[in-house]
Amino acid sequence: MKNMQKQIREQPIGFNLLPKKFSLLQLQRLYEVILNIDLDKRNFRRKLKGLGILKELQEIEESVSHRPARLYTFDEKVYEKKRVTGFNFDL
């Protein structure tokens, strides 16, 4: 578990553990479970959107009992370009 915690702070491995299309809440919950911490919703979203590695889709969740959330996908091309230039993924 410690190895996964280290990896998830340094690389976007969380995107490999989610479906291709995911909500920010799903992504946040994944990070909270792996890191065993509570993350502030607004700060988490601001940080992730600021990284520029998420692609917002024109789709929302379906068949959920709450207000449907916007879906996103991981933009691997943008991540690879940023990684080459010294990208820091630390959340």
PDB file of N, CA and C in Angstrom:
ATOM      1  N   MET A   1       0.829  -1.195   0.000  1.00  0.00           N
ATOM      2  CA  MET A   1       0.000   0.000   0.000  1.00  0.00           C
ATOM      3  C   MET A   1       0.875   1.261   0.000  1.00  0.00           C
ATOM      4  N   LYS A   2       1.964   1.262   0.730  1.00  0.00           N
ATOM      5  CA  LYS A   2       2.869   2.421   0.778  1.00  0.00           C
ATOM      6  C   LYS A   2       3.423   2.725  -0.609  1.00  0.00           C
ATOM      7  N   ASN A   3       3.748   1.679  -1.371  1.00  0.00           N
ATOM      8  CA  ASN A   3       4.269   1.867  -2.721  1.00  0.00           C
ATOM      9  C   ASN A   3       3.218   2.539  -3.608  1.00  0.00           C
ATOM     10  N   MET A   4       1.972   2.103  -3.484  1.00  0.00           N
ATOM     11  CA  MET A   4       0.900   2.691  -4.280  1.00  0.00           C
ATOM     12  C   MET A   4       0.674   4.144  -3.860  1.00  0.00           C
ATOM     13  N   GLN A   5       0.758   4.424  -2.566  1.00  0.00           N
ATOM     14  CA  GLN A   5       0.596   5.801  -2.088  1.00  0.00           C
ATOM     15  C   GLN A   5       1.683   6.705  -2.662  1.00  0.00           C
ATOM     16  N   LYS A   6       2.890   6.214  -2.723  1.00  0.00           N
ATOM     17  CA  LYS A   6       3.999   6.991  -3.284  1.00  0.00           C
ATOM     18  C   LYS A   6       3.774   7.214  -4.783  1.00  0.00           C
ATOM     19  N   GLN A   7       3.407   6.151  -5.483  1.00  0.00           N
ATOM     20  CA  GLN A   7       3.185   6.242  -6.931  1.00  0.00           C
ATOM     21  C   GLN A   7       2.055   7.192  -7.281  1.00  0.00           C
ATOM     22  N   ILE A   8       0.957   7.136  -6.534  1.00  0.00           N
ATOM     23  CA  ILE A   8      -0.206   7.959  -6.874  1.00  0.00           C
ATOM     24  C   ILE A   8       0.072   9.443  -6.629  1.00  0.00           C
ATOM     25  N   ARG A   9       1.029   9.758  -5.782  1.00  0.00           N
ATOM     26  CA  ARG A   9       1.423  11.151  -5.547  1.00  0.00           C
ATOM     27  C   ARG A   9       2.369  11.663  -6.636  1.00  0.00           C
ATOM     28  N   GLU A  10       3.061  10.759  -7.302  1.00  0.00           N
ATOM     29  CA  GLU A  10       4.065  11.163  -8.284  1.00  0.00           C
ATOM     30  C   GLU A  10       3.626  10.987  -9.735  1.00  0.00           C
ATOM     31  N   GLN A  11       2.668  10.091  -9.961  1.00  0.00           N
ATOM     32  CA  GLN A  11       2.221   9.774 -11.310  1.00  0.00           C
ATOM     33  C   GLN A  11       0.697   9.662 -11.315  1.00  0.00           C
ATOM     34  N   PRO A  12       0.081   9.869 -12.444  1.00  0.00           N
ATOM     35  CA  PRO A  12      -1.383   9.770 -12.503  1.00  0.00           C
ATOM     36  C   PRO A  12      -1.876   8.331 -12.640  1.00  0.00           C
ATOM     37  N   ILE A  13      -1.428   7.435 -11.761  1.00  0.00           N
ATOM     38  CA  ILE A  13      -1.844   6.030 -11.874  1.00  0.00           C
ATOM     39  C   ILE A  13      -3.318   5.847 -11.547  1.00  0.00           C
ATOM     40  N   GLY A  14      -3.901   6.807 -10.827  1.00  0.00           N
ATOM     41  CA  GLY A  14      -5.319   6.710 -10.490  1.00  0.00           C
ATOM     42  C   GLY A  14      -6.207   6.602 -11.706  1.00  0.00           C
ATOM     43  N   PHE A  15      -5.768   7.183 -12.808  1.00  0.00           N
ATOM     44  CA  PHE A  15      -6.573   7.144 -14.024  1.00  0.00           C
ATOM     45  C   PHE A  15      -6.642   5.740 -14.602  1.00  0.00           C
ATOM     46  N   ASN A  16      -5.672   4.909 -14.284  1.00  0.00           N
ATOM     47  CA  ASN A  16      -5.682   3.522 -14.756  1.00  0.00           C
ATOM     48  C   ASN A  16      -6.621   2.651 -13.932  1.00  0.00           C
ATOM     49  N   LEU A  17      -7.033   3.151 -12.781  1.00  0.00           N
ATOM     50  CA  LEU A  17      -7.897   2.379 -11.889  1.00  0.00           C
ATOM     51  C   LEU A  17      -9.377   2.743 -12.027  1.00  0.00           C
ATOM     52  N   LEU A  18      -9.655   3.705 -12.880  1.00  0.00           N
ATOM     53  CA  LEU A  18     -11.028   4.159 -13.106  1.00  0.00           C
ATOM     54  C   LEU A  18     -11.479   3.791 -14.515  1.00  0.00           C
ATOM     55  N   PRO A  19     -12.787   3.858 -14.759  1.00  0.00           N
ATOM     56  CA  PRO A  19     -13.251   3.670 -16.131  1.00  0.00           C
ATOM     57  C   PRO A  19     -12.707   4.790 -17.020  1.00  0.00           C
ATOM     58  N   LYS A  20     -12.766   4.626 -18.302  1.00  0.00           N
ATOM     59  CA  LYS A  20     -12.253   5.629 -19.248  1.00  0.00           C
ATOM     60  C   LYS A  20     -12.918   6.985 -19.033  1.00  0.00           C
ATOM     61  N   LYS A  21     -14.205   6.990 -18.731  1.00  0.00           N
ATOM     62  CA  LYS A  21     -14.951   8.212 -18.413  1.00  0.00           C
ATOM     63  C   LYS A  21     -15.299   8.167 -16.931  1.00  0.00           C
ATOM     64  N   PHE A  22     -14.998   9.227 -16.215  1.00  0.00           N
ATOM     65  CA  PHE A  22     -15.198   9.244 -14.765  1.00  0.00           C
ATOM     66  C   PHE A  22     -15.592  10.636 -14.310  1.00  0.00           C
ATOM     67  N   SER A  23     -16.176  10.701 -13.121  1.00  0.00           N
ATOM     68  CA  SER A  23     -16.512  11.993 -12.529  1.00  0.00           C
ATOM     69  C   SER A  23     -15.360  12.408 -11.615  1.00  0.00           C
ATOM     70  N   LEU A  24     -15.314  13.694 -11.297  1.00  0.00           N
ATOM     71  CA  LEU A  24     -14.273  14.166 -10.384  1.00  0.00           C
ATOM     72  C   LEU A  24     -14.468  13.565  -8.995  1.00  0.00           C
ATOM     73  N   LEU A  25     -15.718  13.309  -8.616  1.00  0.00           N
ATOM     74  CA  LEU A  25     -15.978  12.683  -7.324  1.00  0.00           C
ATOM     75  C   LEU A  25     -15.397  11.270  -7.286  1.00  0.00           C
ATOM     76  N   GLN A  26     -15.559  10.518  -8.363  1.00  0.00           N
ATOM     77  CA  GLN A  26     -14.976   9.169  -8.415  1.00  0.00           C
ATOM     78  C   GLN A  26     -13.453   9.242  -8.270  1.00  0.00           C
ATOM     79  N   LEU A  27     -12.851  10.186  -8.959  1.00  0.00           N
ATOM     80  CA  LEU A  27     -11.398  10.343  -8.891  1.00  0.00           C
ATOM     81  C   LEU A  27     -10.964  10.752  -7.486  1.00  0.00           C
ATOM     82  N   GLN A  28     -11.692  11.673  -6.882  1.00  0.00           N
ATOM     83  CA  GLN A  28     -11.356  12.115  -5.531  1.00  0.00           C
ATOM     84  C   GLN A  28     -11.487  10.964  -4.536  1.00  0.00           C
ATOM     85  N   ARG A  29     -12.551  10.206  -4.630  1.00  0.00           N
ATOM     86  CA  ARG A  29     -12.756   9.063  -3.713  1.00  0.00           C
ATOM     87  C   ARG A  29     -11.624   8.040  -3.845  1.00  0.00           C
ATOM     88  N   LEU A  30     -11.185   7.810  -5.072  1.00  0.00           N
ATOM     89  CA  LEU A  30     -10.076   6.884  -5.293  1.00  0.00           C
ATOM     90  C   LEU A  30      -8.823   7.362  -4.560  1.00  0.00           C
ATOM     91  N   TYR A  31      -8.491   8.640  -4.730  1.00  0.00           N
ATOM     92  CA  TYR A  31      -7.322   9.199  -4.056  1.00  0.00           C
ATOM     93  C   TYR A  31      -7.472   9.158  -2.542  1.00  0.00           C
ATOM     94  N   GLU A  32      -8.665   9.433  -2.040  1.00  0.00           N
ATOM     95  CA  GLU A  32      -8.895   9.402  -0.598  1.00  0.00           C
ATOM     96  C   GLU A  32      -8.691   7.998  -0.026  1.00  0.00           C
ATOM     97  N   VAL A  33      -9.182   6.999  -0.743  1.00  0.00           N
ATOM     98  CA  VAL A  33      -9.044   5.613  -0.268  1.00  0.00           C
ATOM     99  C   VAL A  33      -7.582   5.179  -0.284  1.00  0.00           C
ATOM    100  N   ILE A  34      -6.889   5.446  -1.376  1.00  0.00           N
ATOM    101  CA  ILE A  34      -5.489   5.015  -1.483  1.00  0.00           C
ATOM    102  C   ILE A  34      -4.602   5.767  -0.499  1.00  0.00           C
ATOM    103  N   LEU A  35      -4.808   7.074  -0.371  1.00  0.00           N
ATOM    104  CA  LEU A  35      -3.962   7.879   0.514  1.00  0.00           C
ATOM    105  C   LEU A  35      -4.438   7.869   1.965  1.00  0.00           C
ATOM    106  N   ASN A  36      -5.643   7.330   2.197  1.00  0.00           N
ATOM    107  CA  ASN A  36      -6.222   7.259   3.530  1.00  0.00           C
ATOM    108  C   ASN A  36      -6.324   8.642   4.172  1.00  0.00           C
ATOM    109  N   ILE A  37      -6.808   9.616   3.390  1.00  0.00           N
ATOM    110  CA  ILE A  37      -7.003  10.974   3.877  1.00  0.00           C
ATOM    111  C   ILE A  37      -8.290  11.537   3.277  1.00  0.00           C
ATOM    112  N   ASP A  38      -8.817  12.581   3.904  1.00  0.00           N
ATOM    113  CA  ASP A  38      -9.947  13.306   3.334  1.00  0.00           C
ATOM    114  C   ASP A  38      -9.393  14.494   2.567  1.00  0.00           C
ATOM    115  N   LEU A  39      -9.867  14.687   1.355  1.00  0.00           N
ATOM    116  CA  LEU A  39      -9.422  15.798   0.526  1.00  0.00           C
ATOM    117  C   LEU A  39     -10.542  16.825   0.416  1.00  0.00           C
ATOM    118  N   ASP A  40     -10.194  18.088   0.454  1.00  0.00           N
ATOM    119  CA  ASP A  40     -11.160  19.150   0.278  1.00  0.00           C
ATOM    120  C   ASP A  40     -11.632  19.145  -1.179  1.00  0.00           C
ATOM    121  N   LYS A  41     -12.938  19.074  -1.370  1.00  0.00           N
ATOM    122  CA  LYS A  41     -13.516  18.940  -2.710  1.00  0.00           C
ATOM    123  C   LYS A  41     -13.097  20.082  -3.636  1.00  0.00           C
ATOM    124  N   ARG A  42     -13.230  21.323  -3.181  1.00  0.00           N
ATOM    125  CA  ARG A  42     -12.909  22.468  -4.032  1.00  0.00           C
ATOM    126  C   ARG A  42     -11.421  22.527  -4.367  1.00  0.00           C
ATOM    127  N   ASN A  43     -10.563  22.289  -3.389  1.00  0.00           N
ATOM    128  CA  ASN A  43      -9.117  22.332  -3.639  1.00  0.00           C
ATOM    129  C   ASN A  43      -8.674  21.214  -4.579  1.00  0.00           C
ATOM    130  N   PHE A  44      -9.242  20.025  -4.388  1.00  0.00           N
ATOM    131  CA  PHE A  44      -8.903  18.887  -5.235  1.00  0.00           C
ATOM    132  C   PHE A  44      -9.278  19.189  -6.685  1.00  0.00           C
ATOM    133  N   ARG A  45     -10.481  19.688  -6.891  1.00  0.00           N
ATOM    134  CA  ARG A  45     -10.942  19.996  -8.248  1.00  0.00           C
ATOM    135  C   ARG A  45     -10.122  21.111  -8.883  1.00  0.00           C
ATOM    136  N   ARG A  46      -9.829  22.149  -8.113  1.00  0.00           N
ATOM    137  CA  ARG A  46      -9.040  23.273  -8.631  1.00  0.00           C
ATOM    138  C   ARG A  46      -7.648  22.800  -9.036  1.00  0.00           C
ATOM    139  N   LYS A  47      -7.034  21.996  -8.196  1.00  0.00           N
ATOM    140  CA  LYS A  47      -5.689  21.496  -8.483  1.00  0.00           C
ATOM    141  C   LYS A  47      -5.690  20.622  -9.741  1.00  0.00           C
ATOM    142  N   LEU A  48      -6.632  19.698  -9.823  1.00  0.00           N
ATOM    143  CA  LEU A  48      -6.677  18.797 -10.985  1.00  0.00           C
ATOM    144  C   LEU A  48      -6.974  19.541 -12.277  1.00  0.00           C
ATOM    145  N   LYS A  49      -7.915  20.447 -12.238  1.00  0.00           N
ATOM    146  CA  LYS A  49      -8.231  21.208 -13.444  1.00  0.00           C
ATOM    147  C   LYS A  49      -7.051  22.087 -13.840  1.00  0.00           C
ATOM    148  N   GLY A  50      -6.330  22.595 -12.847  1.00  0.00           N
ATOM    149  CA  GLY A  50      -5.159  23.425 -13.112  1.00  0.00           C
ATOM    150  C   GLY A  50      -4.005  22.653 -13.744  1.00  0.00           C
ATOM    151  N   LEU A  51      -3.956  21.357 -13.527  1.00  0.00           N
ATOM    152  CA  LEU A  51      -2.899  20.542 -14.112  1.00  0.00           C
ATOM    153  C   LEU A  51      -3.054  20.426 -15.626  1.00  0.00           C
ATOM    154  N   GLY A  52      -4.276  20.575 -16.112  1.00  0.00           N
ATOM    155  CA  GLY A  52      -4.515  20.531 -17.552  1.00  0.00           C
ATOM    156  C   GLY A  52      -4.484  19.151 -18.165  1.00  0.00           C
ATOM    157  N   ILE A  53      -4.575  18.112 -17.355  1.00  0.00           N
ATOM    158  CA  ILE A  53      -4.488  16.752 -17.894  1.00  0.00           C
ATOM    159  C   ILE A  53      -5.844  16.049 -17.949  1.00  0.00           C
ATOM    160  N   LEU A  54      -6.906  16.795 -17.629  1.00  0.00           N
ATOM    161  CA  LEU A  54      -8.249  16.249 -17.733  1.00  0.00           C
ATOM    162  C   LEU A  54      -8.942  16.849 -18.947  1.00  0.00           C
ATOM    163  N   LYS A  55      -9.672  16.012 -19.636  1.00  0.00           N
ATOM    164  CA  LYS A  55     -10.458  16.460 -20.782  1.00  0.00           C
ATOM    165  C   LYS A  55     -11.929  16.375 -20.365  1.00  0.00           C
ATOM    166  N   GLU A  56     -12.577  17.535 -20.296  1.00  0.00           N
ATOM    167  CA  GLU A  56     -13.991  17.567 -19.932  1.00  0.00           C
ATOM    168  C   GLU A  56     -14.822  17.080 -21.109  1.00  0.00           C
ATOM    169  N   LEU A  57     -15.692  16.135 -20.842  1.00  0.00           N
ATOM    170  CA  LEU A  57     -16.549  15.568 -21.880  1.00  0.00           C
ATOM    171  C   LEU A  57     -17.913  16.261 -21.858  1.00  0.00           C
ATOM    172  N   GLN A  58     -18.604  16.217 -22.925  1.00  0.00           N
ATOM    173  CA  GLN A  58     -19.955  16.773 -22.995  1.00  0.00           C
ATOM    174  C   GLN A  58     -20.968  15.696 -22.612  1.00  0.00           C
ATOM    175  N   GLU A  59     -20.641  14.978 -21.544  1.00  0.00           N
ATOM    176  CA  GLU A  59     -21.503  13.900 -21.051  1.00  0.00           C
ATOM    177  C   GLU A  59     -21.640  14.031 -19.547  1.00  0.00           C
ATOM    178  N   ILE A  60     -22.743  13.503 -19.028  1.00  0.00           N
ATOM    179  CA  ILE A  60     -22.939  13.455 -17.584  1.00  0.00           C
ATOM    180  C   ILE A  60     -23.239  12.014 -17.179  1.00  0.00           C
ATOM    181  N   GLU A  61     -23.122  11.769 -15.876  1.00  0.00           N
ATOM    182  CA  GLU A  61     -23.411  10.429 -15.348  1.00  0.00           C
ATOM    183  C   GLU A  61     -24.858  10.054 -15.655  1.00  0.00           C
ATOM    184  N   GLU A  62     -25.078   8.781 -15.805  1.00  0.00           N
ATOM    185  CA  GLU A  62     -26.426   8.282 -16.033  1.00  0.00           C
ATOM    186  C   GLU A  62     -26.805   7.317 -14.924  1.00  0.00           C
ATOM    187  N   SER A  63     -28.079   7.216 -14.660  1.00  0.00           N
ATOM    188  CA  SER A  63     -28.631   6.268 -13.685  1.00  0.00           C
ATOM    189  C   SER A  63     -28.004   6.415 -12.305  1.00  0.00           C
ATOM    190  N   VAL A  64     -27.946   7.635 -11.798  1.00  0.00           N
ATOM    191  CA  VAL A  64     -27.446   7.874 -10.439  1.00  0.00           C
ATOM    192  C   VAL A  64     -28.568   8.472  -9.606  1.00  0.00           C
ATOM    193  N   SER A  65     -28.517   8.253  -8.304  1.00  0.00           N
ATOM    194  CA  SER A  65     -29.588   8.725  -7.421  1.00  0.00           C
ATOM    195  C   SER A  65     -29.387  10.171  -6.980  1.00  0.00           C
ATOM    196  N   HIS A  66     -28.320  10.791  -7.428  1.00  0.00           N
ATOM    197  CA  HIS A  66     -28.034  12.182  -7.083  1.00  0.00           C
ATOM    198  C   HIS A  66     -27.937  13.000  -8.370  1.00  0.00           C
ATOM    199  N   ARG A  67     -27.669  14.265  -8.218  1.00  0.00           N
ATOM    200  CA  ARG A  67     -27.529  15.118  -9.410  1.00  0.00           C
ATOM    201  C   ARG A  67     -26.375  14.590 -10.261  1.00  0.00           C
ATOM    202  N   PRO A  68     -26.612  14.315 -11.536  1.00  0.00           N
ATOM    203  CA  PRO A  68     -25.560  13.756 -12.394  1.00  0.00           C
ATOM    204  C   PRO A  68     -24.368  14.710 -12.520  1.00  0.00           C
ATOM    205  N   ALA A  69     -23.185  14.149 -12.451  1.00  0.00           N
ATOM    206  CA  ALA A  69     -21.951  14.930 -12.542  1.00  0.00           C
ATOM    207  C   ALA A  69     -21.388  14.892 -13.959  1.00  0.00           C
ATOM    208  N   ARG A  70     -20.636  15.903 -14.301  1.00  0.00           N
ATOM    209  CA  ARG A  70     -19.930  15.969 -15.586  1.00  0.00           C
ATOM    210  C   ARG A  70     -18.899  14.840 -15.610  1.00  0.00           C
ATOM    211  N   LEU A  71     -18.667  14.272 -16.775  1.00  0.00           N
ATOM    212  CA  LEU A  71     -17.672  13.213 -16.930  1.00  0.00           C
ATOM    213  C   LEU A  71     -16.400  13.775 -17.572  1.00  0.00           C
ATOM    214  N   TYR A  72     -15.284  13.161 -17.221  1.00  0.00           N
ATOM    215  CA  TYR A  72     -13.968  13.566 -17.705  1.00  0.00           C
ATOM    216  C   TYR A  72     -13.218  12.339 -18.193  1.00  0.00           C
ATOM    217  N   THR A  73     -12.145  12.582 -18.910  1.00  0.00           N
ATOM    218  CA  THR A  73     -11.223  11.533 -19.305  1.00  0.00           C
ATOM    219  C   THR A  73      -9.808  12.074 -19.135  1.00  0.00           C
ATOM    220  N   PHE A  74      -8.869  11.193 -18.974  1.00  0.00           N
ATOM    221  CA  PHE A  74      -7.465  11.554 -18.811  1.00  0.00           C
ATOM    222  C   PHE A  74      -6.856  11.835 -20.179  1.00  0.00           C
ATOM    223  N   ASP A  75      -6.196  12.977 -20.314  1.00  0.00           N
ATOM    224  CA  ASP A  75      -5.571  13.352 -21.578  1.00  0.00           C
ATOM    225  C   ASP A  75      -4.098  12.938 -21.540  1.00  0.00           C
ATOM    226  N   GLU A  76      -3.829  11.732 -22.014  1.00  0.00           N
ATOM    227  CA  GLU A  76      -2.475  11.173 -21.952  1.00  0.00           C
ATOM    228  C   GLU A  76      -1.477  11.969 -22.785  1.00  0.00           C
ATOM    229  N   LYS A  77      -1.899  12.509 -23.905  1.00  0.00           N
ATOM    230  CA  LYS A  77      -0.989  13.280 -24.763  1.00  0.00           C
ATOM    231  C   LYS A  77      -0.509  14.531 -24.041  1.00  0.00           C
ATOM    232  N   VAL A  78      -1.414  15.241 -23.401  1.00  0.00           N
ATOM    233  CA  VAL A  78      -1.031  16.441 -22.649  1.00  0.00           C
ATOM    234  C   VAL A  78      -0.115  16.055 -21.492  1.00  0.00           C
ATOM    235  N   TYR A  79      -0.459  14.970 -20.785  1.00  0.00           N
ATOM    236  CA  TYR A  79       0.377  14.521 -19.672  1.00  0.00           C
ATOM    237  C   TYR A  79       1.793  14.200 -20.147  1.00  0.00           C
ATOM    238  N   GLU A  80       1.922  13.468 -21.236  1.00  0.00           N
ATOM    239  CA  GLU A  80       3.249  13.095 -21.739  1.00  0.00           C
ATOM    240  C   GLU A  80       4.073  14.330 -22.094  1.00  0.00           C
ATOM    241  N   LYS A  81       3.460  15.311 -22.718  1.00  0.00           N
ATOM    242  CA  LYS A  81       4.178  16.545 -23.046  1.00  0.00           C
ATOM    243  C   LYS A  81       4.646  17.248 -21.778  1.00  0.00           C
ATOM    244  N   LYS A  82       3.783  17.303 -20.777  1.00  0.00           N
ATOM    245  CA  LYS A  82       4.134  17.967 -19.515  1.00  0.00           C
ATOM    246  C   LYS A  82       5.191  17.180 -18.746  1.00  0.00           C
ATOM    247  N   ARG A  83       5.100  15.863 -18.797  1.00  0.00           N
ATOM    248  CA  ARG A  83       6.047  15.022 -18.068  1.00  0.00           C
ATOM    249  C   ARG A  83       7.468  15.226 -18.596  1.00  0.00           C
ATOM    250  N   VAL A  84       7.607  15.348 -19.898  1.00  0.00           N
ATOM    251  CA  VAL A  84       8.907  15.543 -20.523  1.00  0.00           C
ATOM    252  C   VAL A  84       9.542  16.856 -20.084  1.00  0.00           C
ATOM    253  N   THR A  85       8.702  17.860 -19.812  1.00  0.00           N
ATOM    254  CA  THR A  85       9.223  19.179 -19.432  1.00  0.00           C
ATOM    255  C   THR A  85       9.313  19.370 -17.918  1.00  0.00           C
ATOM    256  N   GLY A  86       9.207  18.291 -17.147  1.00  0.00           N
ATOM    257  CA  GLY A  86       9.375  18.382 -15.706  1.00  0.00           C
ATOM    258  C   GLY A  86       8.081  18.606 -14.947  1.00  0.00           C
ATOM    259  N   PHE A  87       7.027  17.964 -15.354  1.00  0.00           N
ATOM    260  CA  PHE A  87       5.711  18.064 -14.749  1.00  0.00           C
ATOM    261  C   PHE A  87       5.708  17.476 -13.351  1.00  0.00           C
ATOM    262  N   ASN A  88       5.064  18.165 -12.399  1.00  0.00           N
ATOM    263  CA  ASN A  88       4.929  17.671 -11.018  1.00  0.00           C
ATOM    264  C   ASN A  88       3.467  17.334 -10.760  1.00  0.00           C
ATOM    265  N   PHE A  89       3.178  16.075 -10.499  1.00  0.00           N
ATOM    266  CA  PHE A  89       1.809  15.618 -10.314  1.00  0.00           C
ATOM    267  C   PHE A  89       1.351  15.635  -8.862  1.00  0.00           C
ATOM    268  N   ASP A  90       2.176  16.033  -7.947  1.00  0.00           N
ATOM    269  CA  ASP A  90       1.854  15.949  -6.518  1.00  0.00           C
ATOM    270  C   ASP A  90       0.563  16.674  -6.176  1.00  0.00           C
ATOM    271  N   LEU A  91      -0.369  15.936  -5.566  1.00  0.00           N
ATOM    272  CA  LEU A  91      -1.617  16.527  -5.102  1.00  0.00           C
ATOM    273  C   LEU A  91      -1.442  16.845  -3.647  1.00  0.00           C
TER     274      LEU A  91
END
